[in-house]
């Protein structure tokens, strides 16, 4: 039971980290686009 919980938490943390990475790259891309083309996205 404890092993299953640890595996689930590890998988969750990995997916959260990848989501955070995707979000940060997306926000930086959006910032670049906004600085090039001053329109509200």
PDB file of N, CA and C in Angstrom:
ATOM      1  N   UNK A   1       0.837  -1.203   0.000  1.00  0.00           N
ATOM      2  CA  UNK A   1       0.000   0.000   0.000  1.00  0.00           C
ATOM      3  C   UNK A   1       0.874   1.256   0.000  1.00  0.00           C
ATOM      4  N   UNK A   2       1.863   1.279   0.903  1.00  0.00           N
ATOM      5  CA  UNK A   2       2.762   2.433   0.977  1.00  0.00           C
ATOM      6  C   UNK A   2       3.580   2.557  -0.309  1.00  0.00           C
ATOM      7  N   UNK A   3       3.966   1.413  -0.855  1.00  0.00           N
ATOM      8  CA  UNK A   3       4.742   1.423  -2.095  1.00  0.00           C
ATOM      9  C   UNK A   3       3.921   2.006  -3.238  1.00  0.00           C
ATOM     10  N   UNK A   4       2.670   1.611  -3.315  1.00  0.00           N
ATOM     11  CA  UNK A   4       1.782   2.127  -4.349  1.00  0.00           C
ATOM     12  C   UNK A   4       1.636   3.634  -4.222  1.00  0.00           C
ATOM     13  N   UNK A   5       1.472   4.098  -2.987  1.00  0.00           N
ATOM     14  CA  UNK A   5       1.320   5.539  -2.751  1.00  0.00           C
ATOM     15  C   UNK A   5       2.567   6.302  -3.181  1.00  0.00           C
ATOM     16  N   UNK A   6       3.735   5.762  -2.868  1.00  0.00           N
ATOM     17  CA  UNK A   6       4.981   6.444  -3.246  1.00  0.00           C
ATOM     18  C   UNK A   6       5.134   6.484  -4.768  1.00  0.00           C
ATOM     19  N   UNK A   7       4.757   5.383  -5.431  1.00  0.00           N
ATOM     20  CA  UNK A   7       4.837   5.357  -6.895  1.00  0.00           C
ATOM     21  C   UNK A   7       3.911   6.397  -7.503  1.00  0.00           C
ATOM     22  N   UNK A   8       2.690   6.483  -6.969  1.00  0.00           N
ATOM     23  CA  UNK A   8       1.719   7.456  -7.473  1.00  0.00           C
ATOM     24  C   UNK A   8       2.218   8.877  -7.249  1.00  0.00           C
ATOM     25  N   UNK A   9       2.786   9.136  -6.071  1.00  0.00           N
ATOM     26  CA  UNK A   9       3.276  10.488  -5.780  1.00  0.00           C
ATOM     27  C   UNK A   9       4.445  10.847  -6.694  1.00  0.00           C
ATOM     28  N   UNK A  10       5.321   9.875  -6.977  1.00  0.00           N
ATOM     29  CA  UNK A  10       6.453  10.129  -7.884  1.00  0.00           C
ATOM     30  C   UNK A  10       5.933  10.451  -9.285  1.00  0.00           C
ATOM     31  N   UNK A  11       4.961   9.682  -9.756  1.00  0.00           N
ATOM     32  CA  UNK A  11       4.393   9.937 -11.080  1.00  0.00           C
ATOM     33  C   UNK A  11       3.722  11.301 -11.129  1.00  0.00           C
ATOM     34  N   UNK A  12       2.995  11.643 -10.054  1.00  0.00           N
ATOM     35  CA  UNK A  12       2.319  12.938  -9.998  1.00  0.00           C
ATOM     36  C   UNK A  12       3.322  14.080 -10.026  1.00  0.00           C
ATOM     37  N   UNK A  13       4.390  13.948  -9.255  1.00  0.00           N
ATOM     38  CA  UNK A  13       5.388  15.019  -9.213  1.00  0.00           C
ATOM     39  C   UNK A  13       6.071  15.163 -10.570  1.00  0.00           C
ATOM     40  N   UNK A  14       6.312  14.049 -11.246  1.00  0.00           N
ATOM     41  CA  UNK A  14       6.925  14.115 -12.575  1.00  0.00           C
ATOM     42  C   UNK A  14       6.014  14.830 -13.554  1.00  0.00           C
ATOM     43  N   UNK A  15       4.741  14.462 -13.561  1.00  0.00           N
ATOM     44  CA  UNK A  15       3.806  15.101 -14.488  1.00  0.00           C
ATOM     45  C   UNK A  15       3.633  16.576 -14.155  1.00  0.00           C
ATOM     46  N   UNK A  16       3.634  16.906 -12.852  1.00  0.00           N
ATOM     47  CA  UNK A  16       3.524  18.308 -12.452  1.00  0.00           C
ATOM     48  C   UNK A  16       4.737  19.097 -12.915  1.00  0.00           C
ATOM     49  N   UNK A  17       5.925  18.506 -12.797  1.00  0.00           N
ATOM     50  CA  UNK A  17       7.136  19.194 -13.236  1.00  0.00           C
ATOM     51  C   UNK A  17       7.116  19.415 -14.743  1.00  0.00           C
ATOM     52  N   UNK A  18       6.679  18.410 -15.508  1.00  0.00           N
ATOM     53  CA  UNK A  18       6.624  18.572 -16.956  1.00  0.00           C
ATOM     54  C   UNK A  18       5.588  19.626 -17.332  1.00  0.00           C
ATOM     55  N   UNK A  19       4.443  19.638 -16.622  1.00  0.00           N
ATOM     56  CA  UNK A  19       3.423  20.655 -16.874  1.00  0.00           C
ATOM     57  C   UNK A  19       3.974  22.042 -16.576  1.00  0.00           C
ATOM     58  N   UNK A  20       4.733  22.157 -15.483  1.00  0.00           N
ATOM     59  CA  UNK A  20       5.310  23.449 -15.119  1.00  0.00           C
ATOM     60  C   UNK A  20       6.305  23.909 -16.182  1.00  0.00           C
ATOM     61  N   UNK A  21       7.091  22.974 -16.686  1.00  0.00           N
ATOM     62  CA  UNK A  21       8.060  23.303 -17.733  1.00  0.00           C
ATOM     63  C   UNK A  21       7.336  23.773 -18.990  1.00  0.00           C
ATOM     64  N   UNK A  22       6.279  23.054 -19.362  1.00  0.00           N
ATOM     65  CA  UNK A  22       5.501  23.443 -20.539  1.00  0.00           C
ATOM     66  C   UNK A  22       4.899  24.822 -20.354  1.00  0.00           C
ATOM     67  N   UNK A  23       4.355  25.074 -19.161  1.00  0.00           N
ATOM     68  CA  UNK A  23       3.726  26.369 -18.890  1.00  0.00           C
ATOM     69  C   UNK A  23       4.747  27.495 -18.943  1.00  0.00           C
ATOM     70  N   UNK A  24       5.933  27.270 -18.391  1.00  0.00           N
ATOM     71  CA  UNK A  24       6.954  28.322 -18.387  1.00  0.00           C
ATOM     72  C   UNK A  24       7.438  28.605 -19.807  1.00  0.00           C
ATOM     73  N   UNK A  25       7.630  27.556 -20.608  1.00  0.00           N
ATOM     74  CA  UNK A  25       8.068  27.778 -21.985  1.00  0.00           C
ATOM     75  C   UNK A  25       6.976  28.484 -22.777  1.00  0.00           C
ATOM     76  N   UNK A  26       5.715  28.108 -22.532  1.00  0.00           N
ATOM     77  CA  UNK A  26       4.605  28.751 -23.226  1.00  0.00           C
ATOM     78  C   UNK A  26       4.511  30.224 -22.860  1.00  0.00           C
ATOM     79  N   UNK A  27       4.680  30.547 -21.575  1.00  0.00           N
ATOM     80  CA  UNK A  27       4.596  31.947 -21.144  1.00  0.00           C
ATOM     81  C   UNK A  27       5.746  32.757 -21.722  1.00  0.00           C
ATOM     82  N   UNK A  28       6.943  32.172 -21.790  1.00  0.00           N
ATOM     83  CA  UNK A  28       8.084  32.899 -22.365  1.00  0.00           C
ATOM     84  C   UNK A  28       7.868  33.126 -23.859  1.00  0.00           C
ATOM     85  N   UNK A  29       7.312  32.131 -24.542  1.00  0.00           N
ATOM     86  CA  UNK A  29       7.002  32.303 -25.964  1.00  0.00           C
ATOM     87  C   UNK A  29       5.973  33.403 -26.159  1.00  0.00           C
ATOM     88  N   UNK A  30       4.961  33.415 -25.289  1.00  0.00           N
ATOM     89  CA  UNK A  30       3.922  34.437 -25.383  1.00  0.00           C
ATOM     90  C   UNK A  30       4.502  35.823 -25.129  1.00  0.00           C
ATOM     91  N   UNK A  31       5.438  35.911 -24.181  1.00  0.00           N
ATOM     92  CA  UNK A  31       6.090  37.193 -23.907  1.00  0.00           C
ATOM     93  C   UNK A  31       6.874  37.670 -25.126  1.00  0.00           C
ATOM     94  N   UNK A  32       7.573  36.762 -25.792  1.00  0.00           N
ATOM     95  CA  UNK A  32       8.323  37.127 -26.997  1.00  0.00           C
ATOM     96  C   UNK A  32       7.378  37.626 -28.081  1.00  0.00           C
ATOM     97  N   UNK A  33       6.276  36.918 -28.274  1.00  0.00           N
ATOM     98  CA  UNK A  33       5.301  37.309 -29.296  1.00  0.00           C
ATOM     99  C   UNK A  33       4.707  38.670 -28.968  1.00  0.00           C
ATOM    100  N   UNK A  34       4.390  38.894 -27.693  1.00  0.00           N
ATOM    101  CA  UNK A  34       3.797  40.168 -27.283  1.00  0.00           C
ATOM    102  C   UNK A  34       4.791  41.306 -27.460  1.00  0.00           C
ATOM    103  N   UNK A  35       6.062  41.055 -27.171  1.00  0.00           N
ATOM    104  CA  UNK A  35       7.059  42.114 -27.333  1.00  0.00           C
ATOM    105  C   UNK A  35       7.275  42.433 -28.814  1.00  0.00           C
ATOM    106  N   UNK A  36       7.130  41.430 -29.673  1.00  0.00           N
ATOM    107  CA  UNK A  36       7.263  41.677 -31.112  1.00  0.00           C
ATOM    108  C   UNK A  36       6.016  42.360 -31.652  1.00  0.00           C
ATOM    109  N   UNK A  37       4.870  41.778 -31.374  1.00  0.00           N
ATOM    110  CA  UNK A  37       3.607  42.327 -31.855  1.00  0.00           C
ATOM    111  C   UNK A  37       2.801  42.799 -30.652  1.00  0.00           C
ATOM    112  N   UNK A  38       2.763  44.103 -30.386  1.00  0.00           N
ATOM    113  CA  UNK A  38       2.063  44.598 -29.183  1.00  0.00           C
ATOM    114  C   UNK A  38       0.548  44.479 -29.292  1.00  0.00           C
ATOM    115  N   UNK A  39       0.061  43.257 -29.227  1.00  0.00           N
ATOM    116  CA  UNK A  39      -1.382  43.027 -29.178  1.00  0.00           C
ATOM    117  C   UNK A  39      -1.682  42.163 -27.963  1.00  0.00           C
ATOM    118  N   UNK A  40      -2.848  42.302 -27.430  1.00  0.00           N
ATOM    119  CA  UNK A  40      -3.212  41.518 -26.242  1.00  0.00           C
ATOM    120  C   UNK A  40      -3.637  40.126 -26.673  1.00  0.00           C
ATOM    121  N   UNK A  41      -2.973  39.114 -26.131  1.00  0.00           N
ATOM    122  CA  UNK A  41      -3.309  37.736 -26.464  1.00  0.00           C
ATOM    123  C   UNK A  41      -4.151  37.122 -25.360  1.00  0.00           C
TER     124      UNK A  41
END
